[in-house]
N, C-alpha and C. Protein backbone atom coordinates (compact mmCIF):
# COMPACT_ATOMS: atom_id res chain seq x y z
N MET A 1 31.67 24.76 -39.79
CA MET A 1 31.03 24.15 -40.95
C MET A 1 29.74 23.51 -40.46
N ASN A 2 28.59 23.86 -41.05
CA ASN A 2 27.33 23.31 -40.57
C ASN A 2 27.10 21.90 -41.13
N ASN A 3 26.11 21.21 -40.57
CA ASN A 3 25.85 19.82 -40.97
C ASN A 3 25.48 19.70 -42.43
N ARG A 4 24.72 20.64 -42.95
CA ARG A 4 24.31 20.59 -44.36
C ARG A 4 25.53 20.67 -45.27
N THR A 5 26.47 21.56 -44.94
CA THR A 5 27.68 21.70 -45.73
C THR A 5 28.54 20.44 -45.63
N ARG A 6 28.65 19.89 -44.40
CA ARG A 6 29.43 18.66 -44.23
C ARG A 6 28.84 17.52 -45.04
N THR A 7 27.51 17.39 -45.01
CA THR A 7 26.83 16.33 -45.76
C THR A 7 27.07 16.50 -47.25
N ALA A 8 26.93 17.72 -47.74
CA ALA A 8 27.13 17.98 -49.17
C ALA A 8 28.57 17.70 -49.57
N THR A 9 29.53 18.11 -48.73
CA THR A 9 30.94 17.88 -49.02
C THR A 9 31.24 16.39 -49.03
N ALA A 10 30.70 15.65 -48.06
CA ALA A 10 30.93 14.21 -47.99
C ALA A 10 30.32 13.50 -49.20
N ALA A 11 29.11 13.90 -49.58
CA ALA A 11 28.46 13.29 -50.75
C ALA A 11 29.26 13.57 -52.01
N PHE A 12 29.75 14.79 -52.13
CA PHE A 12 30.54 15.18 -53.29
C PHE A 12 31.82 14.35 -53.37
N ALA A 13 32.53 14.21 -52.25
CA ALA A 13 33.76 13.43 -52.21
C ALA A 13 33.48 11.96 -52.53
N ALA A 14 32.38 11.42 -52.00
CA ALA A 14 32.03 10.03 -52.26
C ALA A 14 31.74 9.80 -53.74
N ALA A 15 31.05 10.74 -54.37
CA ALA A 15 30.75 10.62 -55.80
C ALA A 15 32.03 10.64 -56.62
N LEU A 16 32.96 11.51 -56.25
CA LEU A 16 34.23 11.57 -56.97
C LEU A 16 35.02 10.28 -56.80
N PHE A 17 35.03 9.74 -55.59
CA PHE A 17 35.74 8.50 -55.35
C PHE A 17 35.12 7.37 -56.17
N ALA A 18 33.79 7.31 -56.20
CA ALA A 18 33.09 6.27 -56.97
C ALA A 18 33.44 6.37 -58.44
N ALA A 19 33.53 7.59 -58.96
CA ALA A 19 33.88 7.77 -60.37
C ALA A 19 35.29 7.26 -60.63
N ALA A 20 36.21 7.50 -59.70
CA ALA A 20 37.58 7.05 -59.87
C ALA A 20 37.66 5.52 -59.84
N VAL A 21 36.92 4.91 -58.93
CA VAL A 21 36.95 3.46 -58.78
C VAL A 21 36.32 2.77 -59.98
N THR A 22 35.30 3.36 -60.59
CA THR A 22 34.62 2.71 -61.71
C THR A 22 35.32 2.93 -63.03
N GLY A 23 36.46 3.61 -63.02
CA GLY A 23 37.24 3.70 -64.24
C GLY A 23 36.93 4.87 -65.12
N CYS A 24 36.32 5.90 -64.59
CA CYS A 24 36.00 7.07 -65.40
C CYS A 24 37.21 7.94 -65.66
N SER A 25 38.35 7.56 -65.11
CA SER A 25 39.52 8.42 -65.22
C SER A 25 40.25 8.27 -66.54
N GLY A 26 39.86 7.34 -67.39
CA GLY A 26 40.52 7.21 -68.68
C GLY A 26 41.80 6.41 -68.54
N SER A 27 42.68 6.52 -69.56
CA SER A 27 43.90 5.74 -69.58
C SER A 27 45.12 6.65 -69.56
N GLY A 28 45.12 7.60 -68.66
CA GLY A 28 46.21 8.56 -68.61
C GLY A 28 47.42 8.07 -67.85
N GLY A 29 47.47 6.80 -67.44
CA GLY A 29 48.64 6.27 -66.78
C GLY A 29 48.62 6.45 -65.27
N ARG A 30 47.59 7.07 -64.73
CA ARG A 30 47.49 7.24 -63.29
C ARG A 30 46.54 6.18 -62.75
N SER A 31 46.84 5.66 -61.57
CA SER A 31 45.99 4.64 -60.97
C SER A 31 44.75 5.28 -60.36
N ALA A 32 43.76 4.45 -60.06
CA ALA A 32 42.54 4.93 -59.43
C ALA A 32 42.85 5.57 -58.09
N SER A 33 43.83 5.02 -57.35
CA SER A 33 44.17 5.62 -56.06
C SER A 33 44.82 6.98 -56.24
N ASP A 34 45.62 7.16 -57.30
CA ASP A 34 46.18 8.49 -57.59
C ASP A 34 45.07 9.48 -57.90
N GLU A 35 44.09 9.04 -58.69
CA GLU A 35 42.97 9.91 -59.04
C GLU A 35 42.18 10.28 -57.80
N ALA A 36 41.92 9.28 -56.95
CA ALA A 36 41.15 9.55 -55.74
C ALA A 36 41.91 10.52 -54.84
N SER A 37 43.23 10.35 -54.72
CA SER A 37 44.02 11.25 -53.90
C SER A 37 43.95 12.67 -54.43
N ALA A 38 44.05 12.81 -55.73
CA ALA A 38 43.98 14.15 -56.33
C ALA A 38 42.62 14.77 -56.10
N ARG A 39 41.58 13.96 -56.17
CA ARG A 39 40.23 14.49 -56.03
C ARG A 39 39.88 14.84 -54.59
N VAL A 40 40.47 14.14 -53.64
CA VAL A 40 40.16 14.42 -52.24
C VAL A 40 40.50 15.87 -51.91
N ASP A 41 41.55 16.43 -52.54
CA ASP A 41 41.91 17.82 -52.30
C ASP A 41 40.75 18.75 -52.59
N THR A 42 39.88 18.42 -53.54
CA THR A 42 38.78 19.31 -53.88
C THR A 42 37.79 19.43 -52.74
N ALA A 43 37.77 18.47 -51.85
CA ALA A 43 36.86 18.53 -50.72
C ALA A 43 37.33 19.53 -49.67
N THR A 44 38.53 20.11 -49.85
CA THR A 44 39.04 21.07 -48.88
C THR A 44 38.60 22.48 -49.19
N ALA A 45 37.65 22.65 -50.09
CA ALA A 45 37.15 23.99 -50.40
C ALA A 45 36.58 24.62 -49.15
N PRO A 46 36.84 25.91 -48.98
CA PRO A 46 36.25 26.58 -47.83
C PRO A 46 34.73 26.42 -47.85
N ALA A 47 34.17 25.84 -46.81
CA ALA A 47 32.74 25.56 -46.77
C ALA A 47 31.92 26.83 -46.87
N SER A 48 32.43 27.92 -46.35
CA SER A 48 31.66 29.16 -46.38
C SER A 48 31.85 29.92 -47.68
N ALA A 49 32.65 29.40 -48.61
CA ALA A 49 32.87 30.11 -49.86
C ALA A 49 31.59 30.32 -50.63
N SER A 50 30.69 29.33 -50.60
CA SER A 50 29.44 29.49 -51.33
C SER A 50 28.56 30.55 -50.71
N ALA A 51 28.76 30.87 -49.45
CA ALA A 51 27.98 31.93 -48.81
C ALA A 51 28.27 33.27 -49.47
N ALA A 52 29.51 33.46 -49.92
CA ALA A 52 29.86 34.72 -50.58
C ALA A 52 29.11 34.87 -51.89
N ALA A 53 28.70 33.77 -52.46
CA ALA A 53 28.00 33.82 -53.74
C ALA A 53 26.61 34.40 -53.60
N ASP A 54 26.08 34.48 -52.38
CA ASP A 54 24.75 35.02 -52.19
C ASP A 54 24.61 36.42 -52.76
N THR A 55 25.69 37.18 -52.78
CA THR A 55 25.62 38.53 -53.31
C THR A 55 25.90 38.58 -54.80
N VAL A 56 26.32 37.47 -55.38
CA VAL A 56 26.58 37.41 -56.81
C VAL A 56 25.41 36.70 -57.46
N VAL A 57 24.47 37.45 -57.97
CA VAL A 57 23.32 36.87 -58.63
C VAL A 57 23.53 37.03 -60.12
N ALA A 58 23.82 35.94 -60.78
CA ALA A 58 24.13 35.99 -62.20
C ALA A 58 22.93 35.55 -63.01
N LYS A 59 22.56 36.38 -63.95
CA LYS A 59 21.47 36.02 -64.86
C LYS A 59 22.09 35.62 -66.19
N PRO A 60 21.84 34.40 -66.64
CA PRO A 60 22.37 33.99 -67.93
C PRO A 60 21.94 34.96 -69.02
N SER A 61 22.90 35.32 -69.86
CA SER A 61 22.58 36.24 -70.94
C SER A 61 23.54 36.05 -72.09
N GLY A 62 23.06 36.34 -73.27
CA GLY A 62 23.91 36.30 -74.46
C GLY A 62 24.14 34.90 -74.97
N PRO A 63 24.82 34.84 -76.12
CA PRO A 63 25.14 33.55 -76.71
C PRO A 63 26.12 32.77 -75.83
N PRO A 64 26.23 31.45 -76.06
CA PRO A 64 27.06 30.62 -75.20
C PRO A 64 28.53 31.01 -75.16
N ASN A 65 28.99 31.80 -76.10
CA ASN A 65 30.39 32.19 -76.10
C ASN A 65 30.62 33.58 -75.51
N THR A 66 29.62 34.13 -74.80
CA THR A 66 29.76 35.44 -74.18
C THR A 66 30.25 35.30 -72.75
N ILE A 67 31.24 36.10 -72.40
CA ILE A 67 31.76 36.15 -71.03
C ILE A 67 31.20 37.41 -70.40
N ILE A 68 30.61 37.26 -69.20
CA ILE A 68 29.97 38.39 -68.53
C ILE A 68 30.68 38.67 -67.20
N SER A 69 30.31 39.76 -66.55
CA SER A 69 30.88 40.08 -65.24
C SER A 69 29.76 40.38 -64.26
N LYS A 70 30.03 40.12 -63.00
CA LYS A 70 29.10 40.42 -61.91
C LYS A 70 29.90 40.83 -60.68
N SER A 71 29.34 41.76 -59.92
CA SER A 71 29.99 42.20 -58.69
C SER A 71 29.43 41.44 -57.50
N GLY A 72 30.31 41.14 -56.57
CA GLY A 72 29.92 40.45 -55.35
C GLY A 72 30.96 40.67 -54.28
N SER A 73 30.95 39.85 -53.26
CA SER A 73 31.86 40.03 -52.13
C SER A 73 33.33 39.82 -52.48
N LEU A 74 33.61 39.11 -53.56
CA LEU A 74 35.00 38.92 -53.99
C LEU A 74 35.46 40.03 -54.94
N GLY A 75 34.56 40.87 -55.37
CA GLY A 75 34.87 41.92 -56.34
C GLY A 75 34.07 41.67 -57.60
N THR A 76 34.49 42.28 -58.70
CA THR A 76 33.82 42.06 -59.98
C THR A 76 34.54 40.92 -60.68
N ILE A 77 33.82 39.82 -60.87
CA ILE A 77 34.42 38.59 -61.40
C ILE A 77 33.79 38.21 -62.73
N LEU A 78 34.46 37.29 -63.43
CA LEU A 78 33.98 36.80 -64.72
C LEU A 78 33.11 35.56 -64.55
N LEU A 79 32.09 35.48 -65.40
CA LEU A 79 31.19 34.33 -65.46
C LEU A 79 30.95 33.99 -66.92
N ASP A 80 30.55 32.75 -67.18
CA ASP A 80 30.18 32.41 -68.55
C ASP A 80 28.74 32.84 -68.80
N ALA A 81 28.25 32.62 -69.99
CA ALA A 81 26.90 33.08 -70.37
C ALA A 81 25.80 32.41 -69.56
N LYS A 82 26.09 31.25 -68.95
CA LYS A 82 25.10 30.57 -68.11
C LYS A 82 25.18 31.04 -66.66
N GLY A 83 26.06 32.00 -66.38
CA GLY A 83 26.19 32.52 -65.03
C GLY A 83 27.13 31.74 -64.14
N ARG A 84 27.86 30.77 -64.71
CA ARG A 84 28.81 29.98 -63.91
C ARG A 84 30.10 30.77 -63.71
N THR A 85 30.58 30.78 -62.49
CA THR A 85 31.81 31.47 -62.15
C THR A 85 32.98 30.86 -62.91
N LEU A 86 33.88 31.73 -63.39
CA LEU A 86 35.07 31.28 -64.10
C LEU A 86 36.28 31.40 -63.18
N TYR A 87 37.14 30.38 -63.24
CA TYR A 87 38.32 30.29 -62.38
C TYR A 87 39.59 30.18 -63.22
N VAL A 88 40.72 30.52 -62.58
CA VAL A 88 42.04 30.29 -63.16
C VAL A 88 42.78 29.30 -62.26
N PHE A 89 43.74 28.60 -62.84
CA PHE A 89 44.49 27.55 -62.18
C PHE A 89 45.93 28.02 -62.04
N ASP A 90 46.46 28.08 -60.81
CA ASP A 90 47.83 28.55 -60.59
C ASP A 90 48.87 27.73 -61.34
N LYS A 91 48.56 26.50 -61.67
CA LYS A 91 49.53 25.65 -62.37
C LYS A 91 49.68 26.06 -63.84
N ASP A 92 48.70 26.78 -64.38
CA ASP A 92 48.80 27.29 -65.76
C ASP A 92 49.71 28.51 -65.73
N THR A 93 50.89 28.39 -66.32
CA THR A 93 51.82 29.52 -66.32
C THR A 93 51.80 30.28 -67.63
N SER A 94 51.01 29.81 -68.56
CA SER A 94 50.83 30.49 -69.84
C SER A 94 49.40 30.21 -70.29
N SER A 95 49.10 30.51 -71.53
CA SER A 95 47.74 30.26 -72.02
C SER A 95 47.49 28.77 -72.28
N LYS A 96 48.53 27.93 -72.10
CA LYS A 96 48.37 26.49 -72.27
C LYS A 96 47.83 25.88 -70.98
N SER A 97 46.74 25.13 -71.10
CA SER A 97 46.11 24.51 -69.94
C SER A 97 46.92 23.32 -69.44
N MET A 98 47.08 23.26 -68.13
CA MET A 98 47.73 22.12 -67.48
C MET A 98 46.70 21.20 -66.84
N CYS A 99 45.42 21.49 -67.05
CA CYS A 99 44.33 20.73 -66.43
C CYS A 99 43.69 19.83 -67.49
N THR A 100 43.98 18.53 -67.40
CA THR A 100 43.42 17.55 -68.33
C THR A 100 42.93 16.34 -67.54
N GLY A 101 42.29 15.41 -68.21
CA GLY A 101 41.85 14.18 -67.57
C GLY A 101 40.90 14.42 -66.42
N ALA A 102 41.20 13.82 -65.26
CA ALA A 102 40.35 13.96 -64.08
C ALA A 102 40.23 15.41 -63.65
N CYS A 103 41.29 16.17 -63.82
CA CYS A 103 41.26 17.60 -63.48
C CYS A 103 40.19 18.31 -64.31
N ALA A 104 40.16 18.05 -65.61
CA ALA A 104 39.18 18.70 -66.49
C ALA A 104 37.76 18.22 -66.24
N THR A 105 37.59 17.08 -65.60
CA THR A 105 36.26 16.62 -65.21
C THR A 105 35.77 17.43 -64.02
N GLN A 106 36.65 17.64 -63.05
CA GLN A 106 36.30 18.41 -61.86
C GLN A 106 36.26 19.91 -62.13
N TRP A 107 37.13 20.38 -63.01
CA TRP A 107 37.25 21.80 -63.36
C TRP A 107 37.08 21.91 -64.88
N PRO A 108 35.85 21.81 -65.38
CA PRO A 108 35.63 21.84 -66.83
C PRO A 108 36.16 23.12 -67.47
N PRO A 109 36.96 22.98 -68.52
CA PRO A 109 37.44 24.17 -69.22
C PRO A 109 36.28 24.89 -69.90
N SER A 110 36.39 26.19 -70.02
CA SER A 110 35.39 27.00 -70.72
C SER A 110 35.67 26.86 -72.21
N ILE A 111 34.90 26.02 -72.88
CA ILE A 111 35.11 25.69 -74.29
C ILE A 111 34.12 26.46 -75.16
N VAL A 112 34.62 26.96 -76.28
CA VAL A 112 33.77 27.66 -77.25
C VAL A 112 34.05 27.12 -78.65
N THR A 113 33.08 27.29 -79.52
CA THR A 113 33.27 26.90 -80.92
C THR A 113 33.42 28.12 -81.81
N ALA A 114 33.15 29.30 -81.26
CA ALA A 114 33.30 30.55 -82.00
C ALA A 114 34.09 31.52 -81.11
N LYS A 115 34.55 32.59 -81.69
CA LYS A 115 35.31 33.58 -80.93
C LYS A 115 34.48 34.08 -79.75
N PRO A 116 35.07 34.08 -78.53
CA PRO A 116 34.31 34.56 -77.37
C PRO A 116 34.01 36.05 -77.48
N LYS A 117 32.86 36.44 -76.94
CA LYS A 117 32.43 37.84 -76.97
C LYS A 117 32.46 38.40 -75.56
N ALA A 118 32.82 39.68 -75.47
CA ALA A 118 32.89 40.36 -74.18
C ALA A 118 31.54 40.97 -73.83
N GLY A 119 30.98 40.56 -72.70
CA GLY A 119 29.77 41.18 -72.18
C GLY A 119 30.12 42.47 -71.46
N LYS A 120 29.13 43.10 -70.88
CA LYS A 120 29.32 44.37 -70.17
C LYS A 120 30.38 44.22 -69.07
N GLY A 121 31.35 45.13 -69.08
CA GLY A 121 32.40 45.14 -68.07
C GLY A 121 33.59 44.25 -68.38
N VAL A 122 33.49 43.43 -69.41
CA VAL A 122 34.57 42.52 -69.78
C VAL A 122 35.40 43.18 -70.88
N LYS A 123 36.71 43.16 -70.74
CA LYS A 123 37.61 43.81 -71.69
C LYS A 123 37.86 42.88 -72.88
N SER A 124 37.36 43.28 -74.05
CA SER A 124 37.47 42.42 -75.23
C SER A 124 38.91 42.18 -75.65
N ASP A 125 39.81 43.14 -75.37
CA ASP A 125 41.20 42.96 -75.76
C ASP A 125 41.92 41.92 -74.89
N MET A 126 41.33 41.53 -73.77
CA MET A 126 41.91 40.50 -72.91
C MET A 126 41.32 39.12 -73.19
N LEU A 127 40.27 39.08 -73.99
CA LEU A 127 39.53 37.85 -74.25
C LEU A 127 40.06 37.16 -75.51
N SER A 128 40.38 35.89 -75.39
CA SER A 128 40.91 35.13 -76.53
C SER A 128 40.64 33.64 -76.30
N THR A 129 41.31 32.80 -77.06
CA THR A 129 41.24 31.35 -76.87
C THR A 129 42.63 30.75 -77.00
N SER A 130 42.78 29.56 -76.48
CA SER A 130 43.98 28.76 -76.71
C SER A 130 43.49 27.36 -77.10
N THR A 131 44.33 26.63 -77.79
CA THR A 131 43.96 25.29 -78.23
C THR A 131 44.46 24.27 -77.20
N ARG A 132 43.52 23.46 -76.71
CA ARG A 132 43.84 22.42 -75.73
C ARG A 132 44.45 21.20 -76.42
N SER A 133 44.94 20.27 -75.64
CA SER A 133 45.55 19.06 -76.20
C SER A 133 44.55 18.22 -76.99
N ASP A 134 43.24 18.40 -76.73
CA ASP A 134 42.21 17.68 -77.49
C ASP A 134 41.70 18.50 -78.68
N ASN A 135 42.41 19.58 -79.00
CA ASN A 135 42.12 20.49 -80.12
C ASN A 135 40.87 21.33 -79.93
N LYS A 136 40.29 21.36 -78.74
CA LYS A 136 39.16 22.23 -78.47
C LYS A 136 39.68 23.61 -78.10
N LYS A 137 38.87 24.63 -78.35
CA LYS A 137 39.23 26.02 -78.05
C LYS A 137 38.76 26.38 -76.65
N GLN A 138 39.70 26.75 -75.79
CA GLN A 138 39.40 27.15 -74.42
C GLN A 138 39.50 28.66 -74.32
N VAL A 139 38.52 29.27 -73.66
CA VAL A 139 38.52 30.71 -73.47
C VAL A 139 39.67 31.09 -72.54
N THR A 140 40.38 32.16 -72.90
CA THR A 140 41.41 32.73 -72.03
C THR A 140 41.07 34.19 -71.77
N TYR A 141 41.53 34.68 -70.64
CA TYR A 141 41.35 36.09 -70.30
C TYR A 141 42.68 36.59 -69.76
N ASN A 142 43.23 37.59 -70.40
CA ASN A 142 44.55 38.11 -70.06
C ASN A 142 45.58 36.98 -70.06
N GLY A 143 45.42 36.03 -70.99
CA GLY A 143 46.34 34.91 -71.13
C GLY A 143 46.09 33.73 -70.21
N HIS A 144 45.10 33.82 -69.32
CA HIS A 144 44.79 32.74 -68.38
C HIS A 144 43.67 31.86 -68.93
N PRO A 145 43.90 30.55 -69.08
CA PRO A 145 42.79 29.65 -69.44
C PRO A 145 41.71 29.70 -68.35
N LEU A 146 40.44 29.65 -68.77
CA LEU A 146 39.32 29.76 -67.84
C LEU A 146 38.60 28.43 -67.67
N TYR A 147 38.12 28.19 -66.44
CA TYR A 147 37.45 26.95 -66.07
C TYR A 147 36.22 27.26 -65.22
N THR A 148 35.27 26.32 -65.21
CA THR A 148 34.19 26.35 -64.23
C THR A 148 34.53 25.29 -63.18
N PHE A 149 33.71 25.17 -62.14
CA PHE A 149 33.96 24.20 -61.07
C PHE A 149 32.73 23.32 -60.91
N ALA A 150 32.93 22.00 -60.98
CA ALA A 150 31.82 21.06 -60.86
C ALA A 150 31.12 21.17 -59.50
N GLY A 151 31.80 21.68 -58.50
CA GLY A 151 31.22 21.81 -57.18
C GLY A 151 30.30 23.01 -57.01
N ASP A 152 30.30 23.93 -57.96
CA ASP A 152 29.38 25.07 -57.90
C ASP A 152 28.00 24.57 -58.28
N GLN A 153 27.03 24.75 -57.39
CA GLN A 153 25.69 24.19 -57.58
C GLN A 153 24.73 25.08 -58.36
N LYS A 154 24.95 26.40 -58.31
CA LYS A 154 24.02 27.30 -59.01
C LYS A 154 24.81 28.47 -59.58
N PRO A 155 24.21 29.20 -60.52
CA PRO A 155 24.90 30.35 -61.10
C PRO A 155 25.39 31.30 -60.01
N GLY A 156 26.62 31.76 -60.16
CA GLY A 156 27.19 32.71 -59.22
C GLY A 156 27.90 32.10 -58.03
N ASP A 157 27.76 30.77 -57.81
CA ASP A 157 28.48 30.13 -56.71
C ASP A 157 29.98 30.32 -56.89
N THR A 158 30.70 30.46 -55.79
CA THR A 158 32.15 30.59 -55.82
C THR A 158 32.81 29.58 -54.88
N SER A 159 32.25 28.39 -54.79
CA SER A 159 32.78 27.39 -53.85
C SER A 159 34.14 26.85 -54.26
N GLY A 160 34.60 27.15 -55.47
CA GLY A 160 35.94 26.73 -55.89
C GLY A 160 37.03 27.71 -55.48
N GLN A 161 36.65 28.85 -54.94
CA GLN A 161 37.63 29.89 -54.58
C GLN A 161 38.62 29.39 -53.54
N GLY A 162 39.91 29.42 -53.90
CA GLY A 162 40.97 29.04 -52.98
C GLY A 162 41.19 27.55 -52.81
N VAL A 163 40.46 26.72 -53.57
CA VAL A 163 40.62 25.27 -53.47
C VAL A 163 42.02 24.88 -53.97
N ASN A 164 42.66 23.98 -53.24
CA ASN A 164 43.95 23.44 -53.65
C ASN A 164 43.70 22.05 -54.20
N ALA A 165 43.78 21.90 -55.52
CA ALA A 165 43.49 20.61 -56.15
C ALA A 165 44.31 20.45 -57.42
N PHE A 166 44.73 19.23 -57.68
CA PHE A 166 45.48 18.88 -58.88
C PHE A 166 46.80 19.66 -58.97
N GLY A 167 47.41 19.89 -57.82
CA GLY A 167 48.75 20.45 -57.78
C GLY A 167 48.86 21.94 -57.63
N ALA A 168 47.75 22.65 -57.51
CA ALA A 168 47.83 24.11 -57.35
C ALA A 168 46.48 24.65 -56.90
N LYS A 169 46.44 25.95 -56.63
CA LYS A 169 45.20 26.59 -56.18
C LYS A 169 44.40 27.14 -57.35
N TRP A 170 43.10 27.31 -57.09
CA TRP A 170 42.14 27.82 -58.06
C TRP A 170 41.53 29.11 -57.51
N TYR A 171 41.41 30.11 -58.38
CA TYR A 171 40.87 31.40 -57.96
C TYR A 171 39.93 31.96 -59.02
N VAL A 172 38.98 32.79 -58.56
CA VAL A 172 38.16 33.54 -59.51
C VAL A 172 39.06 34.57 -60.17
N ILE A 173 38.60 35.10 -61.30
CA ILE A 173 39.39 36.11 -62.01
C ILE A 173 38.56 37.37 -62.14
N GLY A 174 39.22 38.50 -61.92
CA GLY A 174 38.56 39.79 -62.02
C GLY A 174 38.56 40.33 -63.43
N THR A 175 37.77 41.35 -63.67
CA THR A 175 37.70 41.96 -65.00
C THR A 175 39.01 42.64 -65.38
N ASN A 176 39.89 42.87 -64.39
CA ASN A 176 41.20 43.46 -64.67
C ASN A 176 42.19 42.41 -65.19
N GLY A 177 41.76 41.15 -65.26
CA GLY A 177 42.60 40.08 -65.79
C GLY A 177 43.49 39.42 -64.75
N LYS A 178 43.30 39.78 -63.48
CA LYS A 178 44.12 39.21 -62.41
C LYS A 178 43.28 38.29 -61.53
N GLN A 179 43.93 37.23 -61.04
CA GLN A 179 43.23 36.34 -60.12
C GLN A 179 42.96 37.07 -58.81
N ILE A 180 41.85 36.74 -58.21
CA ILE A 180 41.48 37.31 -56.91
C ILE A 180 41.74 36.23 -55.88
N THR A 181 42.69 36.49 -54.98
CA THR A 181 43.13 35.45 -54.05
C THR A 181 42.51 35.55 -52.67
N LYS A 182 41.72 36.58 -52.43
CA LYS A 182 41.12 36.69 -51.09
C LYS A 182 40.10 35.58 -50.87
N SER A 183 39.94 35.24 -49.61
CA SER A 183 39.04 34.17 -49.23
C SER A 183 37.60 34.65 -49.24
N ALA A 184 36.72 33.85 -49.77
CA ALA A 184 35.31 34.19 -49.78
C ALA A 184 34.76 34.28 -48.37
N SER A 185 35.30 33.50 -47.45
CA SER A 185 34.78 33.48 -46.08
C SER A 185 35.13 34.72 -45.30
N SER A 186 36.13 35.49 -45.74
CA SER A 186 36.52 36.67 -44.98
C SER A 186 35.82 37.92 -45.47
N GLN A 187 34.91 37.77 -46.41
CA GLN A 187 34.25 38.93 -46.99
C GLN A 187 32.91 39.19 -46.36
N GLY A 188 32.62 40.45 -46.13
CA GLY A 188 31.29 40.89 -45.71
C GLY A 188 30.79 40.20 -44.47
N GLY A 189 29.51 40.10 -44.30
CA GLY A 189 28.67 39.62 -43.24
C GLY A 189 29.20 38.65 -42.22
N GLY A 190 30.48 38.62 -41.90
CA GLY A 190 30.98 37.79 -40.81
C GLY A 190 30.74 36.32 -41.01
N GLY A 191 31.03 35.79 -42.19
CA GLY A 191 30.78 34.40 -42.50
C GLY A 191 31.61 33.43 -41.70
N GLY A 192 32.57 33.92 -40.93
CA GLY A 192 33.37 33.03 -40.10
C GLY A 192 34.50 32.39 -40.87
N GLY A 193 35.37 31.72 -40.18
CA GLY A 193 36.51 31.06 -40.80
C GLY A 193 36.15 29.66 -41.25
N TYR A 194 37.14 28.95 -41.70
CA TYR A 194 36.93 27.56 -42.09
C TYR A 194 38.05 26.72 -41.58
C-alpha cells in the first residue's frame, strides 16, 4: 500500500469517526462507539481496488434513473447514470435492503423517483425497485438492492469491491445479475496483493 493510499484511507477513517462522534448517526439505538466500530471495517478495502477502476471509464449518460454497464478488469459491471459503480450487499438476502442508518450513509442506496431504465447491455427484465423502510424506491437488479460507495472518488472507481462492512461483504454486480467476487487487485497489470 503506497503512502498516498494510506493517507487517503486514514483521512477517510478519521472523517467517519468524526461523523460518529458528532452525532450524525441518528437515534437508531446504537452508540457512537458501535457506529465507529462498524465504520472502521470500511477502511479495510483493498487499497489496490481503485487501480482496477483505471480501465473502467464511465461517461455519465441518460436520465438519473438509467442504469448503464461498462467493461473493466472485474468484468462488465453496472453503474448509475452518473458513472458511479453499483454494489450489492451480502447481508441482503432478498430485495429488501438490510443497509440503513450509518450503513446507508457509507453505502448510499441507488434511489429513483421513476421506474429505472436499462442502458446498453443492461437487462431490463432484471431491473426493478423495492421500497425501503423510509418509503423511498431503491433500484434492484435480479432482486438485489443496489448501492454506491462513499469511498469511490470518481466515476468508475471500484474501491468498495470486497469490503467487509456492516456485517457482510460488498461486491460489484455484473450484467448477468450475479455479484462478482473476484478481487480487483488480482486483475490484469500485476497490481499486487493487499
